[in-house]
Amino acid sequence: MRTDIQIIEVGPRDGLQNEAVTLATDDKISLIEHLVASGVTRIEAVSFAHPKYVPQLADAEAVMAGIAKRDGVSYIGLVMNWRGWLRAVDTGIDEVNVPLFASDTFNEKNQGVPTSESIEVVRSIALDAHANDISVTATIGTAWGCPFEGEVPIERLVETAAVLAGCGVDEIAIADTIGVGDPWSVTKRLSAVADVVGGVPLRVHFHDTRNTGLANTYAAIEVGVTRIDASVGGIGGCPFAPAATGNIATDDLVYMLNRGGFGHGVSLSSLIGVSGDVEALIGRPVPAMLPAAGDFPPPRS
């Protein structure tokens, strides 16, 4: 068996935030519970962004109150600012994910401040989080390209990652917010980032907007990244980036990892069933390929 891969399921947060349908709180809780039953051990369950901007996820406190906590399962909340951090602490969240962006223009549009100010927010949250026994991930979005600035220089990404590594975060995620990366640039950029972050683990978050998501994931694994974001059924995207659709599908990722001999602990057959539930909830087919194609070899009856 090859190196184990840790799948971070982001469907209940990054997936649902881009859907036209707003699910009932009980449906969100049920979705999370079914994903955990499929073997997921880290899951982005909620967002503490202002409900005005992400109304689909306005019930974060109610969702967290309804989840049955389990040993070995870590629940993650997205936190945009200090106010969101204070909301998160009160729910008993296990981890928070604090996003910022390598391009100042996108950071201004998404966070209302330049990237440098968001880094200071991360620093403050990390300091308080460790006092509360909560883990902190800092996610660098637009790590390949920005819809407003174009190509993001690798030097900008590396500089941002190096500063974050000194902020006391537990993990740094590198995100292709608008899905413009390719496997060759993934190899180059992640290798360069790894050189400056010391022992801080790296995580990747790819969008399949231009059908390169799984290829980029393969490249990330080849350079030693073992923490991968994915969304059940491939739902989601970024509501603040034009035409940024498609997280990589957890279903498709699990199939690829199975074929490659990687351990991950997630049941593909169970996950495909959850994707079917998601289709019913959102009222449309999910983008993932595996729910339609099925596993191979097919399970024996």
C-alpha atoms as a PDB file:
ATOM      1  CA  MET A   1       0.000   0.000   0.000  1.00  0.00           C
ATOM      2  CA  ARG A   2       1.301   3.448  -0.905  1.00  0.00           C
ATOM      3  CA  THR A   3       1.291   6.549   1.300  1.00  0.00           C
ATOM      4  CA  ASP A   4      -2.123   7.254   2.785  1.00  0.00           C
ATOM      5  CA  ILE A   5      -4.030  10.272   1.481  1.00  0.00           C
ATOM      6  CA  GLN A   6      -6.221  12.370   3.750  1.00  0.00           C
ATOM      7  CA  ILE A   7      -9.375  13.520   1.978  1.00  0.00           C
ATOM      8  CA  ILE A   8     -10.919  16.726   3.312  1.00  0.00           C
ATOM      9  CA  GLU A   9     -14.576  16.722   2.270  1.00  0.00           C
ATOM     10  CA  VAL A  10     -15.728  20.268   1.464  1.00  0.00           C
ATOM     11  CA  GLY A  11     -19.131  19.581  -0.109  1.00  0.00           C
ATOM     12  CA  PRO A  12     -21.284  20.747   2.821  1.00  0.00           C
ATOM     13  CA  ARG A  13     -19.467  24.096   2.783  1.00  0.00           C
ATOM     14  CA  ASP A  14     -17.776  24.883  -0.543  1.00  0.00           C
ATOM     15  CA  GLY A  15     -20.211  22.711  -2.439  1.00  0.00           C
ATOM     16  CA  LEU A  16     -23.476  24.061  -1.093  1.00  0.00           C
ATOM     17  CA  GLN A  17     -22.389  27.721  -1.045  1.00  0.00           C
ATOM     18  CA  ASN A  18     -22.617  27.888  -4.831  1.00  0.00           C
ATOM     19  CA  GLU A  19     -25.970  26.162  -5.226  1.00  0.00           C
ATOM     20  CA  ALA A  20     -29.152  28.050  -6.113  1.00  0.00           C
ATOM     21  CA  VAL A  21     -31.066  25.837  -3.690  1.00  0.00           C
ATOM     22  CA  THR A  22     -30.715  26.498   0.035  1.00  0.00           C
ATOM     23  CA  LEU A  23     -30.992  23.239   1.936  1.00  0.00           C
ATOM     24  CA  ALA A  24     -32.880  22.922   5.196  1.00  0.00           C
ATOM     25  CA  THR A  25     -30.704  22.625   8.288  1.00  0.00           C
ATOM     26  CA  ASP A  26     -31.793  19.029   8.889  1.00  0.00           C
ATOM     27  CA  ASP A  27     -30.827  18.109   5.317  1.00  0.00           C
ATOM     28  CA  LYS A  28     -27.356  19.585   5.825  1.00  0.00           C
ATOM     29  CA  ILE A  29     -26.913  17.653   9.050  1.00  0.00           C
ATOM     30  CA  SER A  30     -28.055  14.453   7.350  1.00  0.00           C
ATOM     31  CA  LEU A  31     -25.608  15.030   4.483  1.00  0.00           C
ATOM     32  CA  ILE A  32     -22.733  15.512   6.916  1.00  0.00           C
ATOM     33  CA  GLU A  33     -23.688  12.393   8.873  1.00  0.00           C
ATOM     34  CA  HIS A  34     -23.839  10.291   5.700  1.00  0.00           C
ATOM     35  CA  LEU A  35     -20.435  11.545   4.586  1.00  0.00           C
ATOM     36  CA  VAL A  36     -18.966  10.627   7.961  1.00  0.00           C
ATOM     37  CA  ALA A  37     -20.565   7.186   7.657  1.00  0.00           C
ATOM     38  CA  SER A  38     -18.770   6.845   4.308  1.00  0.00           C
ATOM     39  CA  GLY A  39     -15.433   7.183   6.086  1.00  0.00           C
ATOM     40  CA  VAL A  40     -14.680  10.898   5.866  1.00  0.00           C
ATOM     41  CA  THR A  41     -12.737  12.054   8.947  1.00  0.00           C
ATOM     42  CA  ARG A  42     -12.185  15.746   8.137  1.00  0.00           C
ATOM     43  CA  ILE A  43     -15.121  17.700   6.816  1.00  0.00           C
ATOM     44  CA  GLU A  44     -15.770  21.371   6.118  1.00  0.00           C
ATOM     45  CA  ALA A  45     -19.216  21.448   7.599  1.00  0.00           C
ATOM     46  CA  VAL A  46     -20.133  25.124   7.916  1.00  0.00           C
ATOM     47  CA  SER A  47     -19.209  28.699   7.026  1.00  0.00           C
ATOM     48  CA  PHE A  48     -19.131  31.655   9.383  1.00  0.00           C
ATOM     49  CA  ALA A  49     -19.125  34.184   6.560  1.00  0.00           C
ATOM     50  CA  HIS A  50     -21.719  36.943   6.804  1.00  0.00           C
ATOM     51  CA  PRO A  51     -25.148  35.509   5.867  1.00  0.00           C
ATOM     52  CA  LYS A  52     -25.695  38.477   3.555  1.00  0.00           C
ATOM     53  CA  TYR A  53     -22.957  37.189   1.247  1.00  0.00           C
ATOM     54  CA  VAL A  54     -23.469  33.424   1.616  1.00  0.00           C
ATOM     55  CA  PRO A  55     -27.157  32.972   2.523  1.00  0.00           C
ATOM     56  CA  GLN A  56     -27.034  29.256   1.680  1.00  0.00           C
ATOM     57  CA  LEU A  57     -24.878  28.711   4.789  1.00  0.00           C
ATOM     58  CA  ALA A  58     -26.467  31.156   7.222  1.00  0.00           C
ATOM     59  CA  ASP A  59     -27.392  28.433   9.739  1.00  0.00           C
ATOM     60  CA  ALA A  60     -23.858  27.455  10.824  1.00  0.00           C
ATOM     61  CA  GLU A  61     -24.633  27.489  14.535  1.00  0.00           C
ATOM     62  CA  ALA A  62     -27.740  25.331  14.088  1.00  0.00           C
ATOM     63  CA  VAL A  63     -25.876  22.827  11.916  1.00  0.00           C
ATOM     64  CA  MET A  64     -23.050  22.493  14.433  1.00  0.00           C
ATOM     65  CA  ALA A  65     -25.548  22.093  17.273  1.00  0.00           C
ATOM     66  CA  GLY A  66     -27.254  19.262  15.394  1.00  0.00           C
ATOM     67  CA  ILE A  67     -24.162  17.258  14.464  1.00  0.00           C
ATOM     68  CA  ALA A  68     -23.390  14.227  16.601  1.00  0.00           C
ATOM     69  CA  LYS A  69     -19.717  14.589  17.512  1.00  0.00           C
ATOM     70  CA  ARG A  70     -17.644  11.443  16.983  1.00  0.00           C
ATOM     71  CA  ASP A  71     -14.159  10.485  18.060  1.00  0.00           C
ATOM     72  CA  GLY A  72     -11.736  10.650  15.168  1.00  0.00           C
ATOM     73  CA  VAL A  73     -13.855  13.068  13.105  1.00  0.00           C
ATOM     74  CA  SER A  74     -12.854  16.708  12.827  1.00  0.00           C
ATOM     75  CA  TYR A  75     -15.385  19.363  11.819  1.00  0.00           C
ATOM     76  CA  ILE A  76     -14.106  22.492  10.055  1.00  0.00           C
ATOM     77  CA  GLY A  77     -15.667  25.930   9.733  1.00  0.00           C
ATOM     78  CA  LEU A  78     -14.739  28.633   7.225  1.00  0.00           C
ATOM     79  CA  VAL A  79     -13.839  31.905   8.959  1.00  0.00           C
ATOM     80  CA  MET A  80     -13.374  35.133   7.012  1.00  0.00           C
ATOM     81  CA  ASN A  81     -12.595  37.588   9.808  1.00  0.00           C
ATOM     82  CA  TRP A  82     -12.412  38.078  13.572  1.00  0.00           C
ATOM     83  CA  ARG A  83     -16.188  38.274  13.958  1.00  0.00           C
ATOM     84  CA  GLY A  84     -16.556  34.944  12.174  1.00  0.00           C
ATOM     85  CA  TRP A  85     -13.846  33.506  14.411  1.00  0.00           C
ATOM     86  CA  LEU A  86     -15.773  34.458  17.540  1.00  0.00           C
ATOM     87  CA  ARG A  87     -18.895  32.795  16.140  1.00  0.00           C
ATOM     88  CA  ALA A  88     -16.909  29.648  15.380  1.00  0.00           C
ATOM     89  CA  VAL A  89     -15.415  29.353  18.860  1.00  0.00           C
ATOM     90  CA  ASP A  90     -18.853  29.368  20.429  1.00  0.00           C
ATOM     91  CA  THR A  91     -19.932  26.308  18.408  1.00  0.00           C
ATOM     92  CA  GLY A  92     -17.171  24.004  19.632  1.00  0.00           C
ATOM     93  CA  ILE A  93     -15.676  23.673  16.148  1.00  0.00           C
ATOM     94  CA  ASP A  94     -12.564  21.458  15.831  1.00  0.00           C
ATOM     95  CA  GLU A  95     -10.800  23.426  13.097  1.00  0.00           C
ATOM     96  CA  VAL A  96     -11.131  26.661  11.179  1.00  0.00           C
ATOM     97  CA  ASN A  97     -10.105  27.453   7.624  1.00  0.00           C
ATOM     98  CA  VAL A  98      -9.187  31.094   7.037  1.00  0.00           C
ATOM     99  CA  PRO A  99      -8.982  32.066   3.352  1.00  0.00           C
ATOM    100  CA  LEU A 100      -6.984  34.850   1.760  1.00  0.00           C
ATOM    101  CA  PHE A 101      -5.807  35.416  -1.778  1.00  0.00           C
ATOM    102  CA  ALA A 102      -2.467  35.767  -3.505  1.00  0.00           C
ATOM    103  CA  SER A 103      -3.854  38.586  -5.667  1.00  0.00           C
ATOM    104  CA  ASP A 104      -4.687  41.830  -3.888  1.00  0.00           C
ATOM    105  CA  THR A 105      -7.571  42.666  -6.245  1.00  0.00           C
ATOM    106  CA  PHE A 106      -9.408  39.432  -5.491  1.00  0.00           C
ATOM    107  CA  ASN A 107      -8.667  39.801  -1.782  1.00  0.00           C
ATOM    108  CA  GLU A 108     -10.141  43.311  -1.831  1.00  0.00           C
ATOM    109  CA  LYS A 109     -13.277  42.115  -3.608  1.00  0.00           C
ATOM    110  CA  ASN A 110     -13.718  39.025  -1.423  1.00  0.00           C
ATOM    111  CA  GLN A 111     -12.468  40.266   1.976  1.00  0.00           C
ATOM    112  CA  GLY A 112     -12.617  44.048   1.633  1.00  0.00           C
ATOM    113  CA  VAL A 113      -8.917  44.459   2.526  1.00  0.00           C
ATOM    114  CA  PRO A 114      -5.539  43.834   0.849  1.00  0.00           C
ATOM    115  CA  THR A 115      -3.826  40.485   1.291  1.00  0.00           C
ATOM    116  CA  SER A 116      -1.426  41.863   3.901  1.00  0.00           C
ATOM    117  CA  GLU A 117      -4.317  42.743   6.225  1.00  0.00           C
ATOM    118  CA  SER A 118      -5.865  39.283   5.818  1.00  0.00           C
ATOM    119  CA  ILE A 119      -2.536  37.760   6.821  1.00  0.00           C
ATOM    120  CA  GLU A 120      -2.674  39.735  10.075  1.00  0.00           C
ATOM    121  CA  VAL A 121      -6.184  38.378  10.680  1.00  0.00           C
ATOM    122  CA  VAL A 122      -4.787  34.864  10.255  1.00  0.00           C
ATOM    123  CA  ARG A 123      -2.010  35.660  12.717  1.00  0.00           C
ATOM    124  CA  SER A 124      -4.471  36.891  15.367  1.00  0.00           C
ATOM    125  CA  ILE A 125      -6.824  33.951  14.888  1.00  0.00           C
ATOM    126  CA  ALA A 126      -3.983  31.410  15.081  1.00  0.00           C
ATOM    127  CA  LEU A 127      -2.800  32.880  18.368  1.00  0.00           C
ATOM    128  CA  ASP A 128      -6.269  32.701  19.920  1.00  0.00           C
ATOM    129  CA  ALA A 129      -7.083  29.327  18.347  1.00  0.00           C
ATOM    130  CA  HIS A 130      -4.211  27.536  19.978  1.00  0.00           C
ATOM    131  CA  ALA A 131      -5.350  28.819  23.357  1.00  0.00           C
ATOM    132  CA  ASN A 132      -8.727  27.208  22.575  1.00  0.00           C
ATOM    133  CA  ASP A 133      -7.268  23.939  21.224  1.00  0.00           C
ATOM    134  CA  ILE A 134      -8.579  24.634  17.717  1.00  0.00           C
ATOM    135  CA  SER A 135      -6.496  23.953  14.606  1.00  0.00           C
ATOM    136  CA  VAL A 136      -6.055  26.616  11.930  1.00  0.00           C
ATOM    137  CA  THR A 137      -5.632  26.211   8.190  1.00  0.00           C
ATOM    138  CA  ALA A 138      -4.745  29.245   6.090  1.00  0.00           C
ATOM    139  CA  THR A 139      -5.859  28.852   2.480  1.00  0.00           C
ATOM    140  CA  ILE A 140      -4.115  30.856  -0.239  1.00  0.00           C
ATOM    141  CA  GLY A 141      -6.627  31.305  -3.048  1.00  0.00           C
ATOM    142  CA  THR A 142      -5.902  32.485  -6.608  1.00  0.00           C
ATOM    143  CA  ALA A 143      -2.599  30.646  -6.251  1.00  0.00           C
ATOM    144  CA  TRP A 144      -2.374  30.156 -10.023  1.00  0.00           C
ATOM    145  CA  GLY A 145      -4.493  32.876 -11.516  1.00  0.00           C
ATOM    146  CA  CYS A 146      -6.901  35.711 -10.740  1.00  0.00           C
ATOM    147  CA  PRO A 147      -9.974  36.674 -12.790  1.00  0.00           C
ATOM    148  CA  PHE A 148      -9.018  40.341 -12.396  1.00  0.00           C
ATOM    149  CA  GLU A 149      -5.190  40.338 -12.494  1.00  0.00           C
ATOM    150  CA  GLY A 150      -4.494  37.337 -14.715  1.00  0.00           C
ATOM    151  CA  GLU A 151      -1.528  35.066 -14.019  1.00  0.00           C
ATOM    152  CA  VAL A 152      -0.306  35.244 -10.427  1.00  0.00           C
ATOM    153  CA  PRO A 153       3.508  35.269 -10.255  1.00  0.00           C
ATOM    154  CA  ILE A 154       5.001  32.280  -8.482  1.00  0.00           C
ATOM    155  CA  GLU A 155       7.076  34.698  -6.402  1.00  0.00           C
ATOM    156  CA  ARG A 156       3.908  36.231  -4.981  1.00  0.00           C
ATOM    157  CA  LEU A 157       2.563  32.807  -3.987  1.00  0.00           C
ATOM    158  CA  VAL A 158       5.841  31.744  -2.377  1.00  0.00           C
ATOM    159  CA  GLU A 159       6.182  35.010  -0.475  1.00  0.00           C
ATOM    160  CA  THR A 160       2.624  34.726   0.872  1.00  0.00           C
ATOM    161  CA  ALA A 161       3.141  31.120   1.952  1.00  0.00           C
ATOM    162  CA  ALA A 162       6.406  31.972   3.713  1.00  0.00           C
ATOM    163  CA  VAL A 163       4.763  34.738   5.739  1.00  0.00           C
ATOM    164  CA  LEU A 164       1.823  32.495   6.682  1.00  0.00           C
ATOM    165  CA  ALA A 165       4.200  29.764   7.846  1.00  0.00           C
ATOM    166  CA  GLY A 166       5.448  32.235  10.443  1.00  0.00           C
ATOM    167  CA  CYS A 167       1.939  33.011  11.697  1.00  0.00           C
ATOM    168  CA  GLY A 168       1.548  29.814  13.717  1.00  0.00           C
ATOM    169  CA  VAL A 169      -0.919  28.060  11.415  1.00  0.00           C
ATOM    170  CA  ASP A 170      -1.212  24.277  11.519  1.00  0.00           C
ATOM    171  CA  GLU A 171      -1.644  23.806   7.781  1.00  0.00           C
ATOM    172  CA  ILE A 172      -1.433  25.831   4.565  1.00  0.00           C
ATOM    173  CA  ALA A 173      -3.799  25.041   1.702  1.00  0.00           C
ATOM    174  CA  ILE A 174      -2.949  26.121  -1.835  1.00  0.00           C
ATOM    175  CA  ALA A 175      -6.107  26.749  -3.870  1.00  0.00           C
ATOM    176  CA  ASP A 176      -6.722  27.136  -7.583  1.00  0.00           C
ATOM    177  CA  THR A 177      -9.813  29.274  -7.087  1.00  0.00           C
ATOM    178  CA  ILE A 178     -10.714  29.660 -10.763  1.00  0.00           C
ATOM    179  CA  GLY A 179      -9.382  26.361 -12.074  1.00  0.00           C
ATOM    180  CA  VAL A 180      -6.602  27.573 -14.372  1.00  0.00           C
ATOM    181  CA  GLY A 181      -3.706  25.414 -13.122  1.00  0.00           C
ATOM    182  CA  ASP A 182      -2.021  22.581 -14.984  1.00  0.00           C
ATOM    183  CA  PRO A 183       0.001  19.603 -13.698  1.00  0.00           C
ATOM    184  CA  TRP A 184       3.370  21.071 -14.688  1.00  0.00           C
ATOM    185  CA  SER A 185       2.773  24.353 -12.869  1.00  0.00           C
ATOM    186  CA  VAL A 186       1.409  22.411  -9.883  1.00  0.00           C
ATOM    187  CA  THR A 187       4.723  20.574  -9.619  1.00  0.00           C
ATOM    188  CA  LYS A 188       6.702  23.801  -9.900  1.00  0.00           C
ATOM    189  CA  ARG A 189       4.603  25.899  -7.525  1.00  0.00           C
ATOM    190  CA  LEU A 190       4.083  23.331  -4.787  1.00  0.00           C
ATOM    191  CA  SER A 191       7.767  22.410  -4.799  1.00  0.00           C
ATOM    192  CA  ALA A 192       8.677  26.081  -4.409  1.00  0.00           C
ATOM    193  CA  VAL A 193       6.161  26.569  -1.591  1.00  0.00           C
ATOM    194  CA  ALA A 194       7.371  23.455   0.235  1.00  0.00           C
ATOM    195  CA  ASP A 195      10.878  24.922   0.266  1.00  0.00           C
ATOM    196  CA  VAL A 196       9.798  27.972   2.325  1.00  0.00           C
ATOM    197  CA  VAL A 197       7.163  26.708   4.794  1.00  0.00           C
ATOM    198  CA  GLY A 198       9.367  24.508   6.933  1.00  0.00           C
ATOM    199  CA  GLY A 199       7.409  21.739   8.592  1.00  0.00           C
ATOM    200  CA  VAL A 200       3.950  23.226   8.007  1.00  0.00           C
ATOM    201  CA  PRO A 201       1.901  20.584   6.121  1.00  0.00           C
ATOM    202  CA  LEU A 202       0.497  21.515   2.717  1.00  0.00           C
ATOM    203  CA  ARG A 203      -3.013  20.840   1.487  1.00  0.00           C
ATOM    204  CA  VAL A 204      -4.433  21.453  -2.000  1.00  0.00           C
ATOM    205  CA  HIS A 205      -7.795  22.635  -3.239  1.00  0.00           C
ATOM    206  CA  PHE A 206      -8.403  22.310  -6.973  1.00  0.00           C
ATOM    207  CA  HIS A 207     -11.348  23.317  -9.108  1.00  0.00           C
ATOM    208  CA  ASP A 208     -12.195  21.320 -12.209  1.00  0.00           C
ATOM    209  CA  THR A 209     -13.344  24.382 -14.150  1.00  0.00           C
ATOM    210  CA  ARG A 210     -11.175  23.519 -17.157  1.00  0.00           C
ATOM    211  CA  ASN A 211     -11.095  19.747 -16.618  1.00  0.00           C
ATOM    212  CA  THR A 212      -7.609  19.648 -15.088  1.00  0.00           C
ATOM    213  CA  GLY A 213      -8.570  19.098 -11.440  1.00  0.00           C
ATOM    214  CA  LEU A 214      -7.696  15.410 -11.116  1.00  0.00           C
ATOM    215  CA  ALA A 215      -4.536  15.791 -13.206  1.00  0.00           C
ATOM    216  CA  ASN A 216      -3.463  18.595 -10.889  1.00  0.00           C
ATOM    217  CA  THR A 217      -4.249  16.420  -7.877  1.00  0.00           C
ATOM    218  CA  TYR A 218      -2.068  13.644  -9.278  1.00  0.00           C
ATOM    219  CA  ALA A 219       0.789  16.128  -9.709  1.00  0.00           C
ATOM    220  CA  ALA A 220       0.362  17.352  -6.127  1.00  0.00           C
ATOM    221  CA  ILE A 221       0.521  13.806  -4.773  1.00  0.00           C
ATOM    222  CA  GLU A 222       3.641  13.128  -6.837  1.00  0.00           C
ATOM    223  CA  VAL A 223       5.458  16.007  -5.079  1.00  0.00           C
ATOM    224  CA  GLY A 224       4.434  14.723  -1.659  1.00  0.00           C
ATOM    225  CA  VAL A 225       1.160  16.461  -0.774  1.00  0.00           C
ATOM    226  CA  THR A 226      -1.123  14.058   1.082  1.00  0.00           C
ATOM    227  CA  ARG A 227      -4.026  16.338   2.061  1.00  0.00           C
ATOM    228  CA  ILE A 228      -6.609  16.829  -0.684  1.00  0.00           C
ATOM    229  CA  ASP A 229      -9.849  18.826  -0.719  1.00  0.00           C
ATOM    230  CA  ALA A 230     -12.764  17.357  -2.661  1.00  0.00           C
ATOM    231  CA  SER A 231     -16.528  17.805  -2.828  1.00  0.00           C
ATOM    232  CA  VAL A 232     -19.083  15.008  -2.896  1.00  0.00           C
ATOM    233  CA  GLY A 233     -20.525  14.766  -6.391  1.00  0.00           C
ATOM    234  CA  GLY A 234     -18.222  17.585  -7.540  1.00  0.00           C
ATOM    235  CA  ILE A 235     -20.697  20.265  -6.507  1.00  0.00           C
ATOM    236  CA  GLY A 236     -19.656  23.808  -5.756  1.00  0.00           C
ATOM    237  CA  GLY A 237     -17.300  26.535  -6.830  1.00  0.00           C
ATOM    238  CA  CYS A 238     -16.566  30.094  -5.801  1.00  0.00           C
ATOM    239  CA  PRO A 239     -19.567  32.458  -5.897  1.00  0.00           C
ATOM    240  CA  PHE A 240     -17.246  35.491  -5.977  1.00  0.00           C
ATOM    241  CA  ALA A 241     -15.172  34.462  -9.008  1.00  0.00           C
ATOM    242  CA  PRO A 242     -16.683  34.682 -12.509  1.00  0.00           C
ATOM    243  CA  ALA A 243     -17.152  31.245 -14.107  1.00  0.00           C
ATOM    244  CA  ALA A 244     -15.302  29.433 -11.300  1.00  0.00           C
ATOM    245  CA  THR A 245     -17.227  26.202 -11.197  1.00  0.00           C
ATOM    246  CA  GLY A 246     -16.498  22.712 -10.093  1.00  0.00           C
ATOM    247  CA  ASN A 247     -14.598  21.400  -7.121  1.00  0.00           C
ATOM    248  CA  ILE A 248     -12.955  18.080  -7.885  1.00  0.00           C
ATOM    249  CA  ALA A 249     -15.392  15.305  -7.066  1.00  0.00           C
ATOM    250  CA  THR A 250     -14.672  13.164  -4.021  1.00  0.00           C
ATOM    251  CA  ASP A 251     -16.186  10.196  -5.855  1.00  0.00           C
ATOM    252  CA  ASP A 252     -13.800  10.542  -8.812  1.00  0.00           C
ATOM    253  CA  LEU A 253     -10.831  11.201  -6.527  1.00  0.00           C
ATOM    254  CA  VAL A 254     -11.525   8.074  -4.476  1.00  0.00           C
ATOM    255  CA  TYR A 255     -11.697   5.959  -7.640  1.00  0.00           C
ATOM    256  CA  MET A 256      -8.342   7.337  -8.829  1.00  0.00           C
ATOM    257  CA  LEU A 257      -6.738   6.726  -5.426  1.00  0.00           C
ATOM    258  CA  ASN A 258      -8.126   3.203  -5.292  1.00  0.00           C
ATOM    259  CA  ARG A 259      -6.609   2.407  -8.679  1.00  0.00           C
ATOM    260  CA  GLY A 260      -3.304   3.860  -7.526  1.00  0.00           C
ATOM    261  CA  GLY A 261      -3.170   1.757  -4.384  1.00  0.00           C
ATOM    262  CA  PHE A 262      -3.476   4.618  -1.904  1.00  0.00           C
ATOM    263  CA  GLY A 263      -5.191   4.266   1.449  1.00  0.00           C
ATOM    264  CA  HIS A 264      -7.779   6.897   2.383  1.00  0.00           C
ATOM    265  CA  GLY A 265     -10.525   5.204   4.404  1.00  0.00           C
ATOM    266  CA  VAL A 266     -13.501   6.306   2.290  1.00  0.00           C
ATOM    267  CA  SER A 267     -15.998   3.814   0.835  1.00  0.00           C
ATOM    268  CA  LEU A 268     -16.650   4.566  -2.836  1.00  0.00           C
ATOM    269  CA  SER A 269     -19.937   2.654  -2.966  1.00  0.00           C
ATOM    270  CA  SER A 270     -21.204   4.550   0.071  1.00  0.00           C
ATOM    271  CA  LEU A 271     -20.038   7.845  -1.364  1.00  0.00           C
ATOM    272  CA  ILE A 272     -21.822   7.247  -4.666  1.00  0.00           C
ATOM    273  CA  GLY A 273     -24.989   6.721  -2.641  1.00  0.00           C
ATOM    274  CA  VAL A 274     -24.463  10.065  -0.926  1.00  0.00           C
ATOM    275  CA  SER A 275     -24.030  11.736  -4.326  1.00  0.00           C
ATOM    276  CA  GLY A 276     -27.415  10.327  -5.286  1.00  0.00           C
ATOM    277  CA  ASP A 277     -28.896  11.936  -2.193  1.00  0.00           C
ATOM    278  CA  VAL A 278     -27.245  15.237  -3.160  1.00  0.00           C
ATOM    279  CA  GLU A 279     -28.782  15.068  -6.631  1.00  0.00           C
ATOM    280  CA  ALA A 280     -32.222  14.740  -5.065  1.00  0.00           C
ATOM    281  CA  LEU A 281     -31.568  17.637  -2.699  1.00  0.00           C
ATOM    282  CA  ILE A 282     -30.282  20.105  -5.303  1.00  0.00           C
ATOM    283  CA  GLY A 283     -32.605  18.982  -8.077  1.00  0.00           C
ATOM    284  CA  ARG A 284     -30.018  18.302 -10.780  1.00  0.00           C
ATOM    285  CA  PRO A 285     -27.356  15.725 -11.710  1.00  0.00           C
ATOM    286  CA  VAL A 286     -24.018  16.134  -9.962  1.00  0.00           C
ATOM    287  CA  PRO A 287     -20.914  16.754 -12.117  1.00  0.00           C
ATOM    288  CA  ALA A 288     -19.014  13.718 -10.791  1.00  0.00           C
ATOM    289  CA  MET A 289     -18.429  10.892 -13.278  1.00  0.00           C
ATOM    290  CA  LEU A 290     -18.502   7.911 -10.898  1.00  0.00           C
ATOM    291  CA  PRO A 291     -22.178   8.122  -9.878  1.00  0.00           C
ATOM    292  CA  ALA A 292     -23.077   7.577 -13.553  1.00  0.00           C
ATOM    293  CA  ALA A 293     -20.238   5.264 -14.603  1.00  0.00           C
ATOM    294  CA  GLY A 294     -19.976   3.160 -11.459  1.00  0.00           C
ATOM    295  CA  ASP A 295     -16.923   1.492  -9.958  1.00  0.00           C
ATOM    296  CA  PHE A 296     -14.608  -0.887 -11.805  1.00  0.00           C
ATOM    297  CA  PRO A 297     -14.409  -3.781 -11.476  1.00  0.00           C
ATOM    298  CA  PRO A 298     -18.115  -3.713 -10.607  1.00  0.00           C
ATOM    299  CA  PRO A 299     -18.951  -4.928  -7.077  1.00  0.00           C
ATOM    300  CA  ARG A 300     -19.940  -8.585  -7.015  1.00  0.00           C
ATOM    301  CA  SER A 301     -23.604  -9.221  -6.251  1.00  0.00           C
END
